[in-house]
Amino acid sequence: MASVNDRGLHVSRSLVIPIDELEWRFSGSGGPGGQHANTANTRVELRFDVEASLSLGPRQRARLIERLGPVVRVVASDERSQLRNRELALDRLAERLGQALRVERPRRSTKPTAASRERRLESKRHLAEKKRERRLPRPDD
């Protein structure tokens, strides 16, 4: 769950987005809920302008634009409460930004160990034996 305080939205240790850089829009969410759903603006749309943000470093900005585009938009209309949908939208935004900023380590290929090669061959022998037992015996046996 994303943490929000007076400094802003904590996405990672190196990134805190000030709340005033986020753009909020509210509308009716539709769906079930009766009269409440028809009158309350509980659907939340949260937008974050990556290009115009002052809180991002140049590498963070470039990575986010490459992976998510110049504007990141999340929508929450799961709950009947606007407050709860606001929290969900903040969580979703922090999660998307955090995933996009994550740097995957490149995989280094390794040789299979002697034990893993032996396990593989033993498994093949076992399956071959199982199939051999299923065959009908030949008349000359």
C-alpha atoms as a PDB file:
ATOM      1  CA  MET A   1       0.000   0.000   0.000  1.00  0.00           C
ATOM      2  CA  ALA A   2       1.338   3.394  -0.959  1.00  0.00           C
ATOM      3  CA  SER A   3       2.034   5.791   1.836  1.00  0.00           C
ATOM      4  CA  VAL A   4       0.932   9.393   1.578  1.00  0.00           C
ATOM      5  CA  ASN A   5       1.983  12.126   3.987  1.00  0.00           C
ATOM      6  CA  ASP A   6       2.516  15.881   3.938  1.00  0.00           C
ATOM      7  CA  ARG A   7       5.523  15.452   1.590  1.00  0.00           C
ATOM      8  CA  GLY A   8       3.580  13.482  -1.023  1.00  0.00           C
ATOM      9  CA  LEU A   9       3.088   9.998  -2.476  1.00  0.00           C
ATOM     10  CA  HIS A  10       5.962   7.613  -1.674  1.00  0.00           C
ATOM     11  CA  VAL A  11       6.607   5.459  -4.737  1.00  0.00           C
ATOM     12  CA  SER A  12      10.090   4.239  -3.805  1.00  0.00           C
ATOM     13  CA  ARG A  13      12.984   5.258  -1.573  1.00  0.00           C
ATOM     14  CA  SER A  14      14.221   7.616  -4.265  1.00  0.00           C
ATOM     15  CA  LEU A  15      10.884   8.987  -5.469  1.00  0.00           C
ATOM     16  CA  VAL A  16       8.257  11.025  -3.618  1.00  0.00           C
ATOM     17  CA  ILE A  17       5.650  12.736  -5.786  1.00  0.00           C
ATOM     18  CA  PRO A  18       4.144  15.918  -4.314  1.00  0.00           C
ATOM     19  CA  ILE A  19       0.349  15.748  -4.139  1.00  0.00           C
ATOM     20  CA  ASP A  20       0.025  19.004  -6.113  1.00  0.00           C
ATOM     21  CA  GLU A  21       1.568  17.242  -9.179  1.00  0.00           C
ATOM     22  CA  LEU A  22      -1.417  14.860  -9.278  1.00  0.00           C
ATOM     23  CA  GLU A  23      -4.590  15.765 -11.145  1.00  0.00           C
ATOM     24  CA  TRP A  24      -7.870  14.417  -9.727  1.00  0.00           C
ATOM     25  CA  ARG A  25     -11.192  13.994 -11.579  1.00  0.00           C
ATOM     26  CA  PHE A  26     -14.403  12.627 -10.104  1.00  0.00           C
ATOM     27  CA  SER A  27     -17.509  11.275 -11.785  1.00  0.00           C
ATOM     28  CA  GLY A  28     -20.416   8.931 -11.177  1.00  0.00           C
ATOM     29  CA  SER A  29     -19.231   5.352 -11.162  1.00  0.00           C
ATOM     30  CA  GLY A  30     -22.319   3.643 -12.573  1.00  0.00           C
ATOM     31  CA  GLY A  31     -23.097   0.001 -11.935  1.00  0.00           C
ATOM     32  CA  PRO A  32     -25.052  -1.300  -8.938  1.00  0.00           C
ATOM     33  CA  GLY A  33     -25.623   0.857  -5.872  1.00  0.00           C
ATOM     34  CA  GLY A  34     -29.080   2.273  -6.407  1.00  0.00           C
ATOM     35  CA  GLN A  35     -29.792   5.925  -5.838  1.00  0.00           C
ATOM     36  CA  HIS A  36     -26.420   6.470  -4.147  1.00  0.00           C
ATOM     37  CA  ALA A  37     -24.543   5.495  -7.328  1.00  0.00           C
ATOM     38  CA  ASN A  38     -26.707   7.832  -9.393  1.00  0.00           C
ATOM     39  CA  THR A  39     -26.023  10.907  -7.255  1.00  0.00           C
ATOM     40  CA  ALA A  40     -22.506  10.529  -5.815  1.00  0.00           C
ATOM     41  CA  ASN A  41     -19.309  11.166  -7.771  1.00  0.00           C
ATOM     42  CA  THR A  42     -17.382   8.211  -6.381  1.00  0.00           C
ATOM     43  CA  ARG A  43     -15.381   7.196  -9.484  1.00  0.00           C
ATOM     44  CA  VAL A  44     -11.843   8.576  -9.239  1.00  0.00           C
ATOM     45  CA  GLU A  45      -9.481   9.240 -12.128  1.00  0.00           C
ATOM     46  CA  LEU A  46      -5.938  10.139 -11.137  1.00  0.00           C
ATOM     47  CA  ARG A  47      -3.487  11.545 -13.695  1.00  0.00           C
ATOM     48  CA  PHE A  48       0.248  12.130 -13.328  1.00  0.00           C
ATOM     49  CA  ASP A  49       2.059  14.177 -15.987  1.00  0.00           C
ATOM     50  CA  VAL A  50       5.483  12.537 -16.261  1.00  0.00           C
ATOM     51  CA  GLU A  51       6.890  15.102 -18.700  1.00  0.00           C
ATOM     52  CA  ALA A  52       5.990  18.133 -16.555  1.00  0.00           C
ATOM     53  CA  SER A  53       6.936  16.616 -13.182  1.00  0.00           C
ATOM     54  CA  LEU A  54       9.635  18.407 -11.197  1.00  0.00           C
ATOM     55  CA  SER A  55      10.047  15.528  -8.749  1.00  0.00           C
ATOM     56  CA  LEU A  56      11.568  13.108 -11.297  1.00  0.00           C
ATOM     57  CA  GLY A  57      15.204  12.831 -12.201  1.00  0.00           C
ATOM     58  CA  PRO A  58      16.185  12.667 -15.879  1.00  0.00           C
ATOM     59  CA  ARG A  59      16.707   8.881 -15.881  1.00  0.00           C
ATOM     60  CA  GLN A  60      13.472   8.255 -13.977  1.00  0.00           C
ATOM     61  CA  ARG A  61      11.563  10.497 -16.406  1.00  0.00           C
ATOM     62  CA  ALA A  62      13.068   8.765 -19.446  1.00  0.00           C
ATOM     63  CA  ARG A  63      12.287   5.293 -18.057  1.00  0.00           C
ATOM     64  CA  LEU A  64       8.679   6.221 -17.200  1.00  0.00           C
ATOM     65  CA  ILE A  65       8.035   7.840 -20.580  1.00  0.00           C
ATOM     66  CA  GLU A  66       9.507   4.812 -22.346  1.00  0.00           C
ATOM     67  CA  ARG A  67       7.422   2.303 -20.376  1.00  0.00           C
ATOM     68  CA  LEU A  68       4.200   4.188 -19.545  1.00  0.00           C
ATOM     69  CA  GLY A  69       4.041   7.223 -21.809  1.00  0.00           C
ATOM     70  CA  PRO A  70       4.017  10.967 -21.055  1.00  0.00           C
ATOM     71  CA  VAL A  71       0.903  10.823 -18.834  1.00  0.00           C
ATOM     72  CA  VAL A  72       0.012   8.019 -16.429  1.00  0.00           C
ATOM     73  CA  ARG A  73      -3.700   7.583 -15.702  1.00  0.00           C
ATOM     74  CA  VAL A  74      -5.377   5.248 -13.189  1.00  0.00           C
ATOM     75  CA  VAL A  75      -9.068   4.819 -12.429  1.00  0.00           C
ATOM     76  CA  ALA A  76     -10.755   3.456  -9.306  1.00  0.00           C
ATOM     77  CA  SER A  77     -14.480   2.864  -9.062  1.00  0.00           C
ATOM     78  CA  ASP A  78     -14.480  -0.337  -6.992  1.00  0.00           C
ATOM     79  CA  GLU A  79     -15.928   1.083  -3.779  1.00  0.00           C
ATOM     80  CA  ARG A  80     -19.007   3.161  -2.947  1.00  0.00           C
ATOM     81  CA  SER A  81     -16.883   5.662  -1.035  1.00  0.00           C
ATOM     82  CA  GLN A  82     -14.972   8.377  -2.894  1.00  0.00           C
ATOM     83  CA  LEU A  83     -12.379   8.428  -0.107  1.00  0.00           C
ATOM     84  CA  ARG A  84     -11.702   4.701  -0.473  1.00  0.00           C
ATOM     85  CA  ASN A  85     -11.495   5.048  -4.265  1.00  0.00           C
ATOM     86  CA  ARG A  86      -8.974   7.869  -3.801  1.00  0.00           C
ATOM     87  CA  GLU A  87      -6.813   5.550  -1.696  1.00  0.00           C
ATOM     88  CA  LEU A  88      -7.115   2.775  -4.287  1.00  0.00           C
ATOM     89  CA  ALA A  89      -6.137   5.171  -7.091  1.00  0.00           C
ATOM     90  CA  LEU A  90      -3.055   6.332  -5.166  1.00  0.00           C
ATOM     91  CA  ASP A  91      -2.063   2.709  -4.506  1.00  0.00           C
ATOM     92  CA  ARG A  92      -2.490   1.790  -8.167  1.00  0.00           C
ATOM     93  CA  LEU A  93      -0.495   4.793  -9.357  1.00  0.00           C
ATOM     94  CA  ALA A  94       2.352   4.068  -6.938  1.00  0.00           C
ATOM     95  CA  GLU A  95       2.354   0.400  -8.000  1.00  0.00           C
ATOM     96  CA  ARG A  96       2.457   1.225 -11.734  1.00  0.00           C
ATOM     97  CA  LEU A  97       5.217   3.788 -11.301  1.00  0.00           C
ATOM     98  CA  GLY A  98       7.208   1.476  -9.030  1.00  0.00           C
ATOM     99  CA  GLN A  99       6.954  -1.404 -11.523  1.00  0.00           C
ATOM    100  CA  ALA A 100       8.023   0.844 -14.412  1.00  0.00           C
ATOM    101  CA  LEU A 101      11.024   2.181 -12.482  1.00  0.00           C
ATOM    102  CA  ARG A 102      12.229  -1.271 -11.439  1.00  0.00           C
ATOM    103  CA  VAL A 103      15.441  -2.263 -13.200  1.00  0.00           C
ATOM    104  CA  GLU A 104      15.647  -5.959 -13.996  1.00  0.00           C
ATOM    105  CA  ARG A 105      19.041  -7.543 -13.630  1.00  0.00           C
ATOM    106  CA  PRO A 106      20.175  -9.227 -16.841  1.00  0.00           C
ATOM    107  CA  ARG A 107      20.162 -13.004 -16.640  1.00  0.00           C
ATOM    108  CA  ARG A 108      23.544 -14.677 -16.948  1.00  0.00           C
ATOM    109  CA  SER A 109      23.363 -18.080 -18.557  1.00  0.00           C
ATOM    110  CA  THR A 110      24.989 -20.909 -16.624  1.00  0.00           C
ATOM    111  CA  LYS A 111      25.906 -24.481 -17.463  1.00  0.00           C
ATOM    112  CA  PRO A 112      23.689 -27.242 -16.086  1.00  0.00           C
ATOM    113  CA  THR A 113      25.323 -29.010 -13.152  1.00  0.00           C
ATOM    114  CA  ALA A 114      26.349 -32.654 -13.357  1.00  0.00           C
ATOM    115  CA  ALA A 115      23.618 -33.560 -10.860  1.00  0.00           C
ATOM    116  CA  SER A 116      20.907 -31.790 -12.889  1.00  0.00           C
ATOM    117  CA  ARG A 117      22.049 -33.556 -16.070  1.00  0.00           C
ATOM    118  CA  GLU A 118      21.907 -36.903 -14.263  1.00  0.00           C
ATOM    119  CA  ARG A 119      18.402 -36.130 -12.884  1.00  0.00           C
ATOM    120  CA  ARG A 120      17.225 -35.281 -16.398  1.00  0.00           C
ATOM    121  CA  LEU A 121      18.618 -38.516 -17.851  1.00  0.00           C
ATOM    122  CA  GLU A 122      17.165 -40.567 -14.990  1.00  0.00           C
ATOM    123  CA  SER A 123      13.762 -38.998 -15.607  1.00  0.00           C
ATOM    124  CA  LYS A 124      14.011 -39.875 -19.311  1.00  0.00           C
ATOM    125  CA  ARG A 125      14.963 -43.478 -18.444  1.00  0.00           C
ATOM    126  CA  HIS A 126      12.029 -43.722 -16.063  1.00  0.00           C
ATOM    127  CA  LEU A 127       9.525 -42.453 -18.678  1.00  0.00           C
ATOM    128  CA  ALA A 128      10.973 -44.778 -21.359  1.00  0.00           C
ATOM    129  CA  GLU A 129      10.601 -47.750 -18.995  1.00  0.00           C
ATOM    130  CA  LYS A 130       6.991 -46.768 -18.232  1.00  0.00           C
ATOM    131  CA  LYS A 131       6.196 -46.634 -21.973  1.00  0.00           C
ATOM    132  CA  ARG A 132       8.009 -49.934 -22.591  1.00  0.00           C
ATOM    133  CA  GLU A 133       5.808 -51.642 -19.962  1.00  0.00           C
ATOM    134  CA  ARG A 134       2.646 -50.446 -21.756  1.00  0.00           C
ATOM    135  CA  ARG A 135       3.507 -52.237 -24.974  1.00  0.00           C
ATOM    136  CA  LEU A 136       1.917 -55.570 -25.803  1.00  0.00           C
ATOM    137  CA  PRO A 137       4.334 -58.462 -25.468  1.00  0.00           C
ATOM    138  CA  ARG A 138       5.626 -59.884 -28.737  1.00  0.00           C
ATOM    139  CA  PRO A 139       4.642 -63.475 -29.583  1.00  0.00           C
ATOM    140  CA  ASP A 140       8.300 -64.635 -29.718  1.00  0.00           C
ATOM    141  CA  ASP A 141       8.954 -63.504 -26.059  1.00  0.00           C
END
